[in-house]
Amino acid sequence: MKISIVGAGSFGTSLAKVISENNCSVNLFARNKEVIDCINNKRVNKNYFPSVVLNKNIQCINILEDSAELVGSDFIFFALPSGVTREVVESVNVNINNIPILSTSKGIEFPSLLTMSEVIKEVTGNRRVYSFSGPTFADEIMNGSFTSATIGIDHDEDLEVLKKILDLPNLIFDYTNDISGVELCGVLKNIYSIAAGIFDSFSNSNNEHHAFLNLCFKEMHYILSEYSVDKDLILRFCAFGDFSMTTNSDKSRNRTLGLMVGKGMLNLNEFNPSIIFEGLKSINAIEKKCENKNIKVPIVSFVKESLDDIEGVKLKLNKLLREF
């Protein structure tokens, strides 16, 4: 099969590697000419995995010049930051409106409140757009670690094709027809991992850490109860599994962001501000969605206030804890 992956970052590259091991022809689309040349000539993505040699059935293509190469794909994976998803989809729209698409992006557009699959559907008119989320660090996928995720998909024929593409011994999936619910989990766990990082910057107690995580997971459950079609979604890899990994691992960018905010170490001149701004858009969107359903989300609001104003975070945290 011919598989296209749009986005040659860490996750897109790791997906390309594992899918290429299943006798698929993989086109990996990127914008950076240096990255494209390095992958095609040296078989490595030096920006993310300089020591991992990629298989020869992976070809890197310039999406700015050759997006027509998407035509004829059996499946397209979008592995892009949510902040650029609409822009990229608009640029390649003419070539993808009839091809099944799987989005791995984690984010909600603000102020539209659309998930990334909904953005893709809106731009392309393609109804065969699905979602992917779970406890999946890209470096561990690349190293062959046992990995799980949830796929949101509501088309049986496309599901069977996808199962063949991802039929690999170290990958395990669960499935749901709640496409936007899967994406919502991916956004929420990032917000709560920031909250956990801030909390842990003031505490080294295991008792306190897990009590706070329980409060976070309870709030996440309230939100999913209102918005998810799949009432078992909270039990899936995209919910508990991803929440647990992201809030507990220091490999998580969002948890690290929270630690830096709590310790007063955040310097926008040294830290990638796009992570903060993208996170703030998602937080604003979640807060608005909860307001629409009259759901109280004190932890989400605490994270928003902390990123808006990193001064006095300890006082904000003390005020939060008094509310429970």
C-alpha atoms as a PDB file:
ATOM      1  CA  MET A   1       0.000   0.000   0.000  1.00  0.00           C
ATOM      2  CA  LYS A   2       0.972   3.600  -0.529  1.00  0.00           C
ATOM      3  CA  ILE A   3       0.889   5.582   2.721  1.00  0.00           C
ATOM      4  CA  SER A   4       1.427   9.332   3.018  1.00  0.00           C
ATOM      5  CA  ILE A   5       2.483  11.018   6.249  1.00  0.00           C
ATOM      6  CA  VAL A   6       2.291  14.801   6.374  1.00  0.00           C
ATOM      7  CA  GLY A   7       4.773  16.145   8.921  1.00  0.00           C
ATOM      8  CA  ALA A   8       8.378  14.993   9.362  1.00  0.00           C
ATOM      9  CA  GLY A   9       8.676  15.876  13.035  1.00  0.00           C
ATOM     10  CA  SER A  10       9.407  13.304  15.716  1.00  0.00           C
ATOM     11  CA  PHE A  11       5.994  11.642  15.609  1.00  0.00           C
ATOM     12  CA  GLY A  12       5.616  11.662  11.835  1.00  0.00           C
ATOM     13  CA  THR A  13       9.097  10.181  11.409  1.00  0.00           C
ATOM     14  CA  SER A  14       8.478   7.461  13.995  1.00  0.00           C
ATOM     15  CA  LEU A  15       5.203   6.556  12.269  1.00  0.00           C
ATOM     16  CA  ALA A  16       6.974   6.416   8.922  1.00  0.00           C
ATOM     17  CA  LYS A  17       9.555   4.009  10.313  1.00  0.00           C
ATOM     18  CA  VAL A  18       7.116   1.530  11.853  1.00  0.00           C
ATOM     19  CA  ILE A  19       4.669   1.622   8.931  1.00  0.00           C
ATOM     20  CA  SER A  20       7.519   1.087   6.462  1.00  0.00           C
ATOM     21  CA  GLU A  21       8.343  -2.152   8.291  1.00  0.00           C
ATOM     22  CA  ASN A  22       4.957  -3.531   7.206  1.00  0.00           C
ATOM     23  CA  ASN A  23       5.837  -3.637   3.492  1.00  0.00           C
ATOM     24  CA  CYS A  24       4.193  -0.292   2.824  1.00  0.00           C
ATOM     25  CA  SER A  25       5.547   2.402   0.542  1.00  0.00           C
ATOM     26  CA  VAL A  26       5.749   5.555   2.673  1.00  0.00           C
ATOM     27  CA  ASN A  27       5.852   9.133   1.418  1.00  0.00           C
ATOM     28  CA  LEU A  28       6.887  11.456   4.237  1.00  0.00           C
ATOM     29  CA  PHE A  29       6.010  15.089   3.469  1.00  0.00           C
ATOM     30  CA  ALA A  30       8.041  17.966   4.909  1.00  0.00           C
ATOM     31  CA  ARG A  31       8.745  21.645   4.244  1.00  0.00           C
ATOM     32  CA  ASN A  32      12.391  21.901   5.320  1.00  0.00           C
ATOM     33  CA  LYS A  33      14.647  21.199   2.307  1.00  0.00           C
ATOM     34  CA  GLU A  34      17.582  20.271   4.538  1.00  0.00           C
ATOM     35  CA  VAL A  35      15.493  17.647   6.338  1.00  0.00           C
ATOM     36  CA  ILE A  36      14.168  16.313   3.023  1.00  0.00           C
ATOM     37  CA  ASP A  37      17.656  15.965   1.525  1.00  0.00           C
ATOM     38  CA  CYS A  38      19.030  14.354   4.691  1.00  0.00           C
ATOM     39  CA  ILE A  39      16.297  11.707   4.789  1.00  0.00           C
ATOM     40  CA  ASN A  40      16.536  10.917   1.082  1.00  0.00           C
ATOM     41  CA  ASN A  41      20.333  10.911   0.853  1.00  0.00           C
ATOM     42  CA  LYS A  42      21.477   9.731   4.293  1.00  0.00           C
ATOM     43  CA  ARG A  43      18.340   7.886   5.487  1.00  0.00           C
ATOM     44  CA  VAL A  44      18.170   9.809   8.777  1.00  0.00           C
ATOM     45  CA  ASN A  45      16.139  12.687  10.199  1.00  0.00           C
ATOM     46  CA  LYS A  46      19.021  14.477  11.853  1.00  0.00           C
ATOM     47  CA  ASN A  47      16.738  16.924  13.688  1.00  0.00           C
ATOM     48  CA  TYR A  48      15.034  14.208  15.739  1.00  0.00           C
ATOM     49  CA  PHE A  49      16.650  10.792  15.316  1.00  0.00           C
ATOM     50  CA  PRO A  50      20.203  11.295  14.018  1.00  0.00           C
ATOM     51  CA  SER A  51      21.288   7.766  14.980  1.00  0.00           C
ATOM     52  CA  VAL A  52      18.320   5.859  13.505  1.00  0.00           C
ATOM     53  CA  VAL A  53      18.615   4.683   9.899  1.00  0.00           C
ATOM     54  CA  LEU A  54      15.286   4.814   8.060  1.00  0.00           C
ATOM     55  CA  ASN A  55      14.154   2.114   5.645  1.00  0.00           C
ATOM     56  CA  LYS A  56      14.635   2.594   1.922  1.00  0.00           C
ATOM     57  CA  ASN A  57      10.893   2.425   1.238  1.00  0.00           C
ATOM     58  CA  ILE A  58      10.507   5.855   2.905  1.00  0.00           C
ATOM     59  CA  GLN A  59      10.728   8.792   0.523  1.00  0.00           C
ATOM     60  CA  CYS A  60      10.681  12.365   1.796  1.00  0.00           C
ATOM     61  CA  ILE A  61       8.796  14.836  -0.410  1.00  0.00           C
ATOM     62  CA  ASN A  62       8.533  18.618  -0.368  1.00  0.00           C
ATOM     63  CA  ILE A  63       4.898  19.367   0.384  1.00  0.00           C
ATOM     64  CA  LEU A  64       5.250  22.948  -0.850  1.00  0.00           C
ATOM     65  CA  GLU A  65       6.262  21.756  -4.312  1.00  0.00           C
ATOM     66  CA  ASP A  66       4.890  18.243  -4.767  1.00  0.00           C
ATOM     67  CA  SER A  67       1.662  17.893  -2.796  1.00  0.00           C
ATOM     68  CA  ALA A  68       0.150  16.205  -5.863  1.00  0.00           C
ATOM     69  CA  GLU A  69       2.101  13.133  -4.751  1.00  0.00           C
ATOM     70  CA  LEU A  70      -0.641  12.676  -2.135  1.00  0.00           C
ATOM     71  CA  VAL A  71      -2.970  11.544  -4.922  1.00  0.00           C
ATOM     72  CA  GLY A  72      -3.311   7.774  -5.000  1.00  0.00           C
ATOM     73  CA  SER A  73      -2.522   7.276  -1.324  1.00  0.00           C
ATOM     74  CA  ASP A  74      -4.378   4.455   0.398  1.00  0.00           C
ATOM     75  CA  PHE A  75      -4.277   6.438   3.647  1.00  0.00           C
ATOM     76  CA  ILE A  76      -2.950   9.836   4.752  1.00  0.00           C
ATOM     77  CA  PHE A  77      -1.671  10.513   8.261  1.00  0.00           C
ATOM     78  CA  PHE A  78      -1.522  14.121   9.448  1.00  0.00           C
ATOM     79  CA  ALA A  79       1.205  14.439  12.097  1.00  0.00           C
ATOM     80  CA  LEU A  80       1.324  18.217  12.455  1.00  0.00           C
ATOM     81  CA  PRO A  81       1.182  20.728  15.302  1.00  0.00           C
ATOM     82  CA  SER A  82      -2.442  21.779  15.657  1.00  0.00           C
ATOM     83  CA  GLY A  83      -1.512  25.426  15.093  1.00  0.00           C
ATOM     84  CA  VAL A  84      -0.535  24.797  11.451  1.00  0.00           C
ATOM     85  CA  THR A  85      -3.020  22.049  10.556  1.00  0.00           C
ATOM     86  CA  ARG A  86      -5.583  24.322   8.868  1.00  0.00           C
ATOM     87  CA  GLU A  87      -2.894  26.152   6.869  1.00  0.00           C
ATOM     88  CA  VAL A  88      -1.338  22.923   5.573  1.00  0.00           C
ATOM     89  CA  VAL A  89      -4.685  21.279   4.796  1.00  0.00           C
ATOM     90  CA  GLU A  90      -5.780  24.337   2.833  1.00  0.00           C
ATOM     91  CA  SER A  91      -2.571  24.179   0.797  1.00  0.00           C
ATOM     92  CA  VAL A  92      -3.096  20.531  -0.207  1.00  0.00           C
ATOM     93  CA  ASN A  93      -6.909  20.439  -0.218  1.00  0.00           C
ATOM     94  CA  VAL A  94      -7.365  19.686  -3.914  1.00  0.00           C
ATOM     95  CA  ASN A  95      -5.384  16.460  -3.565  1.00  0.00           C
ATOM     96  CA  ILE A  96      -6.960  14.853  -0.486  1.00  0.00           C
ATOM     97  CA  ASN A  97     -10.724  15.282  -0.587  1.00  0.00           C
ATOM     98  CA  ASN A  98     -11.470  11.598  -1.327  1.00  0.00           C
ATOM     99  CA  ILE A  99      -8.695   9.809   0.611  1.00  0.00           C
ATOM    100  CA  PRO A 100      -9.132   8.424   4.169  1.00  0.00           C
ATOM    101  CA  ILE A 101      -7.210  10.558   6.668  1.00  0.00           C
ATOM    102  CA  LEU A 102      -5.966   9.897  10.209  1.00  0.00           C
ATOM    103  CA  SER A 103      -5.060  12.936  12.317  1.00  0.00           C
ATOM    104  CA  THR A 104      -2.607  12.550  15.200  1.00  0.00           C
ATOM    105  CA  SER A 105      -2.618  16.267  16.087  1.00  0.00           C
ATOM    106  CA  LYS A 106      -3.587  17.277  19.626  1.00  0.00           C
ATOM    107  CA  GLY A 107      -5.371  20.601  19.870  1.00  0.00           C
ATOM    108  CA  ILE A 108      -8.613  22.502  19.541  1.00  0.00           C
ATOM    109  CA  GLU A 109      -8.912  25.530  17.299  1.00  0.00           C
ATOM    110  CA  PHE A 110      -9.943  28.731  19.022  1.00  0.00           C
ATOM    111  CA  PRO A 111     -12.377  30.456  18.767  1.00  0.00           C
ATOM    112  CA  SER A 112     -14.015  27.927  16.393  1.00  0.00           C
ATOM    113  CA  LEU A 113     -13.771  25.141  19.042  1.00  0.00           C
ATOM    114  CA  LEU A 114     -13.149  22.613  16.256  1.00  0.00           C
ATOM    115  CA  THR A 115     -10.942  19.575  16.794  1.00  0.00           C
ATOM    116  CA  MET A 116      -8.305  18.882  14.148  1.00  0.00           C
ATOM    117  CA  SER A 117     -10.393  16.184  12.426  1.00  0.00           C
ATOM    118  CA  GLU A 118     -13.255  18.692  12.268  1.00  0.00           C
ATOM    119  CA  VAL A 119     -10.923  21.327  10.812  1.00  0.00           C
ATOM    120  CA  ILE A 120      -9.824  18.881   8.105  1.00  0.00           C
ATOM    121  CA  LYS A 121     -13.434  17.956   7.341  1.00  0.00           C
ATOM    122  CA  GLU A 122     -14.456  21.606   7.147  1.00  0.00           C
ATOM    123  CA  VAL A 123     -11.646  22.543   4.750  1.00  0.00           C
ATOM    124  CA  THR A 124     -11.819  19.493   2.485  1.00  0.00           C
ATOM    125  CA  GLY A 125     -15.410  18.304   2.660  1.00  0.00           C
ATOM    126  CA  ASN A 126     -13.919  14.842   3.195  1.00  0.00           C
ATOM    127  CA  ARG A 127     -16.038  12.862   5.688  1.00  0.00           C
ATOM    128  CA  ARG A 128     -13.498  10.037   6.063  1.00  0.00           C
ATOM    129  CA  VAL A 129     -11.322  11.791   8.651  1.00  0.00           C
ATOM    130  CA  TYR A 130     -10.356   9.959  11.830  1.00  0.00           C
ATOM    131  CA  SER A 131      -8.319  10.498  15.005  1.00  0.00           C
ATOM    132  CA  PHE A 132      -5.426   8.887  16.886  1.00  0.00           C
ATOM    133  CA  SER A 133      -4.286   9.497  20.460  1.00  0.00           C
ATOM    134  CA  GLY A 134      -2.666   7.581  23.300  1.00  0.00           C
ATOM    135  CA  PRO A 135       0.451   7.138  25.459  1.00  0.00           C
ATOM    136  CA  THR A 136       2.873   7.334  22.552  1.00  0.00           C
ATOM    137  CA  PHE A 137       6.250   9.010  23.025  1.00  0.00           C
ATOM    138  CA  ALA A 138       7.774   9.162  19.549  1.00  0.00           C
ATOM    139  CA  ASP A 139      11.279   8.095  20.615  1.00  0.00           C
ATOM    140  CA  GLU A 140       9.907   4.936  22.217  1.00  0.00           C
ATOM    141  CA  ILE A 141       7.883   4.066  19.114  1.00  0.00           C
ATOM    142  CA  MET A 142      11.078   4.542  17.120  1.00  0.00           C
ATOM    143  CA  ASN A 143      12.983   2.231  19.488  1.00  0.00           C
ATOM    144  CA  GLY A 144      10.399  -0.533  19.168  1.00  0.00           C
ATOM    145  CA  SER A 145       8.815  -0.259  22.613  1.00  0.00           C
ATOM    146  CA  PHE A 146       5.405  -1.855  23.156  1.00  0.00           C
ATOM    147  CA  THR A 147       2.974   0.989  22.436  1.00  0.00           C
ATOM    148  CA  SER A 148      -0.792   1.466  22.688  1.00  0.00           C
ATOM    149  CA  ALA A 149      -3.229   4.064  21.355  1.00  0.00           C
ATOM    150  CA  THR A 150      -6.894   4.674  20.613  1.00  0.00           C
ATOM    151  CA  ILE A 151      -8.185   5.224  17.094  1.00  0.00           C
ATOM    152  CA  GLY A 152     -11.444   7.088  16.563  1.00  0.00           C
ATOM    153  CA  ILE A 153     -13.016   5.800  13.358  1.00  0.00           C
ATOM    154  CA  ASP A 154     -16.577   5.311  12.138  1.00  0.00           C
ATOM    155  CA  HIS A 155     -16.118   3.637   8.740  1.00  0.00           C
ATOM    156  CA  ASP A 156     -15.744  -0.171   8.751  1.00  0.00           C
ATOM    157  CA  GLU A 157     -13.951  -0.489   5.404  1.00  0.00           C
ATOM    158  CA  ASP A 158     -11.379   2.155   6.301  1.00  0.00           C
ATOM    159  CA  LEU A 159     -10.900   0.498   9.692  1.00  0.00           C
ATOM    160  CA  GLU A 160      -9.969  -2.790   8.039  1.00  0.00           C
ATOM    161  CA  VAL A 161      -7.426  -1.027   5.816  1.00  0.00           C
ATOM    162  CA  LEU A 162      -5.967   0.804   8.800  1.00  0.00           C
ATOM    163  CA  LYS A 163      -5.623  -2.424  10.770  1.00  0.00           C
ATOM    164  CA  LYS A 164      -3.541  -3.864   7.944  1.00  0.00           C
ATOM    165  CA  ILE A 165      -1.314  -0.781   7.816  1.00  0.00           C
ATOM    166  CA  LEU A 166      -0.721  -0.854  11.584  1.00  0.00           C
ATOM    167  CA  ASP A 167      -0.496  -4.628  11.971  1.00  0.00           C
ATOM    168  CA  LEU A 168       2.821  -4.687  13.817  1.00  0.00           C
ATOM    169  CA  PRO A 169       3.869  -6.814  16.819  1.00  0.00           C
ATOM    170  CA  ASN A 170       4.701  -3.906  19.164  1.00  0.00           C
ATOM    171  CA  LEU A 171       1.527  -1.891  18.535  1.00  0.00           C
ATOM    172  CA  ILE A 172      -1.833  -2.449  20.225  1.00  0.00           C
ATOM    173  CA  PHE A 173      -4.967  -0.373  19.665  1.00  0.00           C
ATOM    174  CA  ASP A 174      -8.489   0.016  20.903  1.00  0.00           C
ATOM    175  CA  TYR A 175     -11.156   1.558  18.702  1.00  0.00           C
ATOM    176  CA  THR A 176     -14.173   3.817  19.116  1.00  0.00           C
ATOM    177  CA  ASN A 177     -16.552   5.688  16.824  1.00  0.00           C
ATOM    178  CA  ASP A 178     -16.126   8.771  19.054  1.00  0.00           C
ATOM    179  CA  ILE A 179     -13.654  10.570  16.780  1.00  0.00           C
ATOM    180  CA  SER A 180     -13.729  14.005  18.448  1.00  0.00           C
ATOM    181  CA  GLY A 181     -13.811  12.396  21.911  1.00  0.00           C
ATOM    182  CA  VAL A 182     -10.420  10.784  21.239  1.00  0.00           C
ATOM    183  CA  GLU A 183      -9.041  14.199  20.286  1.00  0.00           C
ATOM    184  CA  LEU A 184     -10.579  15.819  23.360  1.00  0.00           C
ATOM    185  CA  CYS A 185      -8.663  13.355  25.543  1.00  0.00           C
ATOM    186  CA  GLY A 186      -5.415  14.384  23.864  1.00  0.00           C
ATOM    187  CA  VAL A 187      -6.049  18.043  24.636  1.00  0.00           C
ATOM    188  CA  LEU A 188      -7.175  17.487  28.225  1.00  0.00           C
ATOM    189  CA  LYS A 189      -4.225  15.329  29.249  1.00  0.00           C
ATOM    190  CA  ASN A 190      -1.859  18.082  28.072  1.00  0.00           C
ATOM    191  CA  ILE A 191      -3.633  20.656  30.233  1.00  0.00           C
ATOM    192  CA  TYR A 192      -3.554  18.406  33.281  1.00  0.00           C
ATOM    193  CA  SER A 193       0.109  17.559  32.738  1.00  0.00           C
ATOM    194  CA  ILE A 194       0.884  21.290  32.960  1.00  0.00           C
ATOM    195  CA  ALA A 195      -1.147  21.400  36.176  1.00  0.00           C
ATOM    196  CA  ALA A 196       0.746  18.389  37.553  1.00  0.00           C
ATOM    197  CA  GLY A 197       4.085  19.989  36.723  1.00  0.00           C
ATOM    198  CA  ILE A 198       3.133  23.195  38.528  1.00  0.00           C
ATOM    199  CA  PHE A 199       1.892  21.232  41.550  1.00  0.00           C
ATOM    200  CA  ASP A 200       5.017  19.066  41.739  1.00  0.00           C
ATOM    201  CA  SER A 201       7.252  22.137  41.624  1.00  0.00           C
ATOM    202  CA  PHE A 202       5.978  22.879  45.141  1.00  0.00           C
ATOM    203  CA  SER A 203       5.737  19.323  46.496  1.00  0.00           C
ATOM    204  CA  ASN A 204       7.858  16.175  46.554  1.00  0.00           C
ATOM    205  CA  SER A 205       5.247  14.063  48.344  1.00  0.00           C
ATOM    206  CA  ASN A 206       3.901  10.971  46.581  1.00  0.00           C
ATOM    207  CA  ASN A 207       0.714  11.200  48.637  1.00  0.00           C
ATOM    208  CA  GLU A 208       0.097  14.769  47.528  1.00  0.00           C
ATOM    209  CA  HIS A 209       1.081  14.090  43.909  1.00  0.00           C
ATOM    210  CA  HIS A 210      -1.397  11.261  43.442  1.00  0.00           C
ATOM    211  CA  ALA A 211      -4.152  13.029  45.355  1.00  0.00           C
ATOM    212  CA  PHE A 212      -3.802  15.970  42.985  1.00  0.00           C
ATOM    213  CA  LEU A 213      -3.729  13.682  39.927  1.00  0.00           C
ATOM    214  CA  ASN A 214      -6.942  12.080  41.153  1.00  0.00           C
ATOM    215  CA  LEU A 215      -8.572  15.520  41.256  1.00  0.00           C
ATOM    216  CA  CYS A 216      -7.320  16.198  37.727  1.00  0.00           C
ATOM    217  CA  PHE A 217      -8.616  12.884  36.412  1.00  0.00           C
ATOM    218  CA  LYS A 218     -11.977  13.447  38.091  1.00  0.00           C
ATOM    219  CA  GLU A 219     -12.318  16.830  36.377  1.00  0.00           C
ATOM    220  CA  MET A 220     -11.322  15.249  33.060  1.00  0.00           C
ATOM    221  CA  HIS A 221     -13.999  12.601  33.595  1.00  0.00           C
ATOM    222  CA  TYR A 222     -16.652  15.299  34.180  1.00  0.00           C
ATOM    223  CA  ILE A 223     -15.776  16.938  30.865  1.00  0.00           C
ATOM    224  CA  LEU A 224     -15.736  13.675  28.913  1.00  0.00           C
ATOM    225  CA  SER A 225     -19.060  12.646  30.465  1.00  0.00           C
ATOM    226  CA  GLU A 226     -20.666  15.686  28.857  1.00  0.00           C
ATOM    227  CA  TYR A 227     -18.907  15.619  25.505  1.00  0.00           C
ATOM    228  CA  SER A 228     -18.052  12.016  24.642  1.00  0.00           C
ATOM    229  CA  VAL A 229     -20.410   9.776  22.695  1.00  0.00           C
ATOM    230  CA  ASP A 230     -18.522   6.690  23.889  1.00  0.00           C
ATOM    231  CA  LYS A 231     -19.310   6.337  27.593  1.00  0.00           C
ATOM    232  CA  ASP A 232     -16.354   3.958  28.008  1.00  0.00           C
ATOM    233  CA  LEU A 233     -13.922   6.502  26.549  1.00  0.00           C
ATOM    234  CA  ILE A 234     -12.405   7.258  29.976  1.00  0.00           C
ATOM    235  CA  LEU A 235     -11.177   3.634  30.087  1.00  0.00           C
ATOM    236  CA  ARG A 236      -9.420   3.716  26.738  1.00  0.00           C
ATOM    237  CA  PHE A 237      -5.748   4.255  25.973  1.00  0.00           C
ATOM    238  CA  CYS A 238      -6.424   7.839  24.846  1.00  0.00           C
ATOM    239  CA  ALA A 239      -7.820   8.708  28.292  1.00  0.00           C
ATOM    240  CA  PHE A 240      -6.340   6.986  31.350  1.00  0.00           C
ATOM    241  CA  GLY A 241      -3.221   5.661  29.595  1.00  0.00           C
ATOM    242  CA  ASP A 242      -2.221   8.964  28.047  1.00  0.00           C
ATOM    243  CA  PHE A 243      -3.211  10.975  31.126  1.00  0.00           C
ATOM    244  CA  SER A 244      -1.088   8.756  33.374  1.00  0.00           C
ATOM    245  CA  MET A 245       1.980   8.852  31.130  1.00  0.00           C
ATOM    246  CA  THR A 246       1.916  12.567  30.414  1.00  0.00           C
ATOM    247  CA  THR A 247       1.290  13.716  33.990  1.00  0.00           C
ATOM    248  CA  ASN A 248       3.971  11.434  35.467  1.00  0.00           C
ATOM    249  CA  SER A 249       6.827  11.490  32.973  1.00  0.00           C
ATOM    250  CA  ASP A 250       9.432  14.217  32.836  1.00  0.00           C
ATOM    251  CA  LYS A 251       9.751  13.455  29.104  1.00  0.00           C
ATOM    252  CA  SER A 252       6.415  15.252  28.700  1.00  0.00           C
ATOM    253  CA  ARG A 253       6.883  18.764  27.302  1.00  0.00           C
ATOM    254  CA  ASN A 254       3.725  19.969  29.025  1.00  0.00           C
ATOM    255  CA  ARG A 255       4.706  18.608  32.424  1.00  0.00           C
ATOM    256  CA  THR A 256       8.135  20.235  31.972  1.00  0.00           C
ATOM    257  CA  LEU A 257       6.408  23.505  31.095  1.00  0.00           C
ATOM    258  CA  GLY A 258       4.409  23.267  34.333  1.00  0.00           C
ATOM    259  CA  LEU A 259       7.545  22.600  36.387  1.00  0.00           C
ATOM    260  CA  MET A 260       9.247  25.632  34.848  1.00  0.00           C
ATOM    261  CA  VAL A 261       6.225  27.852  35.540  1.00  0.00           C
ATOM    262  CA  GLY A 262       6.031  26.686  39.159  1.00  0.00           C
ATOM    263  CA  LYS A 263       9.736  27.154  39.813  1.00  0.00           C
ATOM    264  CA  GLY A 264       9.797  30.593  38.181  1.00  0.00           C
ATOM    265  CA  MET A 265      12.298  29.373  35.577  1.00  0.00           C
ATOM    266  CA  LEU A 266      10.295  30.223  32.478  1.00  0.00           C
ATOM    267  CA  ASN A 267      12.121  32.565  30.116  1.00  0.00           C
ATOM    268  CA  LEU A 268      10.301  33.064  26.822  1.00  0.00           C
ATOM    269  CA  ASN A 269      13.595  34.049  25.195  1.00  0.00           C
ATOM    270  CA  GLU A 270      14.969  30.566  25.909  1.00  0.00           C
ATOM    271  CA  PHE A 271      11.816  28.447  25.848  1.00  0.00           C
ATOM    272  CA  ASN A 272       9.801  27.728  22.715  1.00  0.00           C
ATOM    273  CA  PRO A 273       6.815  30.087  23.117  1.00  0.00           C
ATOM    274  CA  SER A 274       4.761  28.223  20.502  1.00  0.00           C
ATOM    275  CA  ILE A 275       4.189  25.471  23.079  1.00  0.00           C
ATOM    276  CA  ILE A 276       2.705  28.012  25.488  1.00  0.00           C
ATOM    277  CA  PHE A 277       0.611  29.832  22.903  1.00  0.00           C
ATOM    278  CA  GLU A 278      -0.710  26.604  21.372  1.00  0.00           C
ATOM    279  CA  GLY A 279      -1.500  25.341  24.878  1.00  0.00           C
ATOM    280  CA  LEU A 280      -3.288  28.561  25.765  1.00  0.00           C
ATOM    281  CA  LYS A 281      -5.482  28.282  22.669  1.00  0.00           C
ATOM    282  CA  SER A 282      -6.477  24.774  23.701  1.00  0.00           C
ATOM    283  CA  ILE A 283      -7.131  25.879  27.290  1.00  0.00           C
ATOM    284  CA  ASN A 284      -9.280  28.783  26.105  1.00  0.00           C
ATOM    285  CA  ALA A 285     -11.234  26.397  23.901  1.00  0.00           C
ATOM    286  CA  ILE A 286     -11.749  23.846  26.694  1.00  0.00           C
ATOM    287  CA  GLU A 287     -12.803  26.570  29.112  1.00  0.00           C
ATOM    288  CA  LYS A 288     -15.339  27.862  26.574  1.00  0.00           C
ATOM    289  CA  LYS A 289     -16.685  24.360  25.853  1.00  0.00           C
ATOM    290  CA  CYS A 290     -17.119  23.779  29.606  1.00  0.00           C
ATOM    291  CA  GLU A 291     -18.806  27.140  30.012  1.00  0.00           C
ATOM    292  CA  ASN A 292     -21.253  26.117  27.283  1.00  0.00           C
ATOM    293  CA  LYS A 293     -22.166  23.012  29.320  1.00  0.00           C
ATOM    294  CA  ASN A 294     -21.965  24.748  32.708  1.00  0.00           C
ATOM    295  CA  ILE A 295     -19.167  22.406  33.859  1.00  0.00           C
ATOM    296  CA  LYS A 296     -16.974  23.671  36.698  1.00  0.00           C
ATOM    297  CA  VAL A 297     -13.290  23.234  35.808  1.00  0.00           C
ATOM    298  CA  PRO A 298     -11.183  24.908  38.508  1.00  0.00           C
ATOM    299  CA  ILE A 299      -7.975  23.099  37.482  1.00  0.00           C
ATOM    300  CA  VAL A 300      -8.287  24.125  33.822  1.00  0.00           C
ATOM    301  CA  SER A 301      -8.882  27.721  34.958  1.00  0.00           C
ATOM    302  CA  PHE A 302      -5.878  27.526  37.299  1.00  0.00           C
ATOM    303  CA  VAL A 303      -3.596  26.470  34.441  1.00  0.00           C
ATOM    304  CA  LYS A 304      -4.899  29.277  32.230  1.00  0.00           C
ATOM    305  CA  GLU A 305      -4.337  31.876  34.965  1.00  0.00           C
ATOM    306  CA  SER A 306      -0.838  30.528  35.624  1.00  0.00           C
ATOM    307  CA  LEU A 307       0.208  30.743  31.970  1.00  0.00           C
ATOM    308  CA  ASP A 308      -1.417  34.165  31.552  1.00  0.00           C
ATOM    309  CA  ASP A 309       0.466  35.489  34.586  1.00  0.00           C
ATOM    310  CA  ILE A 310       3.368  33.396  35.885  1.00  0.00           C
ATOM    311  CA  GLU A 311       3.804  35.643  38.910  1.00  0.00           C
ATOM    312  CA  GLY A 312       2.236  34.461  42.154  1.00  0.00           C
ATOM    313  CA  VAL A 313       1.648  30.883  40.987  1.00  0.00           C
ATOM    314  CA  LYS A 314       1.968  29.565  44.558  1.00  0.00           C
ATOM    315  CA  LEU A 315      -0.894  31.798  45.696  1.00  0.00           C
ATOM    316  CA  LYS A 316      -3.016  30.638  42.763  1.00  0.00           C
ATOM    317  CA  LEU A 317      -2.306  27.013  43.666  1.00  0.00           C
ATOM    318  CA  ASN A 318      -3.207  27.551  47.337  1.00  0.00           C
ATOM    319  CA  LYS A 319      -6.471  29.192  46.256  1.00  0.00           C
ATOM    320  CA  LEU A 320      -7.206  26.231  43.948  1.00  0.00           C
ATOM    321  CA  LEU A 321      -6.636  23.645  46.664  1.00  0.00           C
ATOM    322  CA  ARG A 322      -8.926  25.470  49.076  1.00  0.00           C
ATOM    323  CA  GLU A 323     -11.781  25.002  46.562  1.00  0.00           C
ATOM    324  CA  PHE A 324     -11.779  21.215  46.935  1.00  0.00           C
END
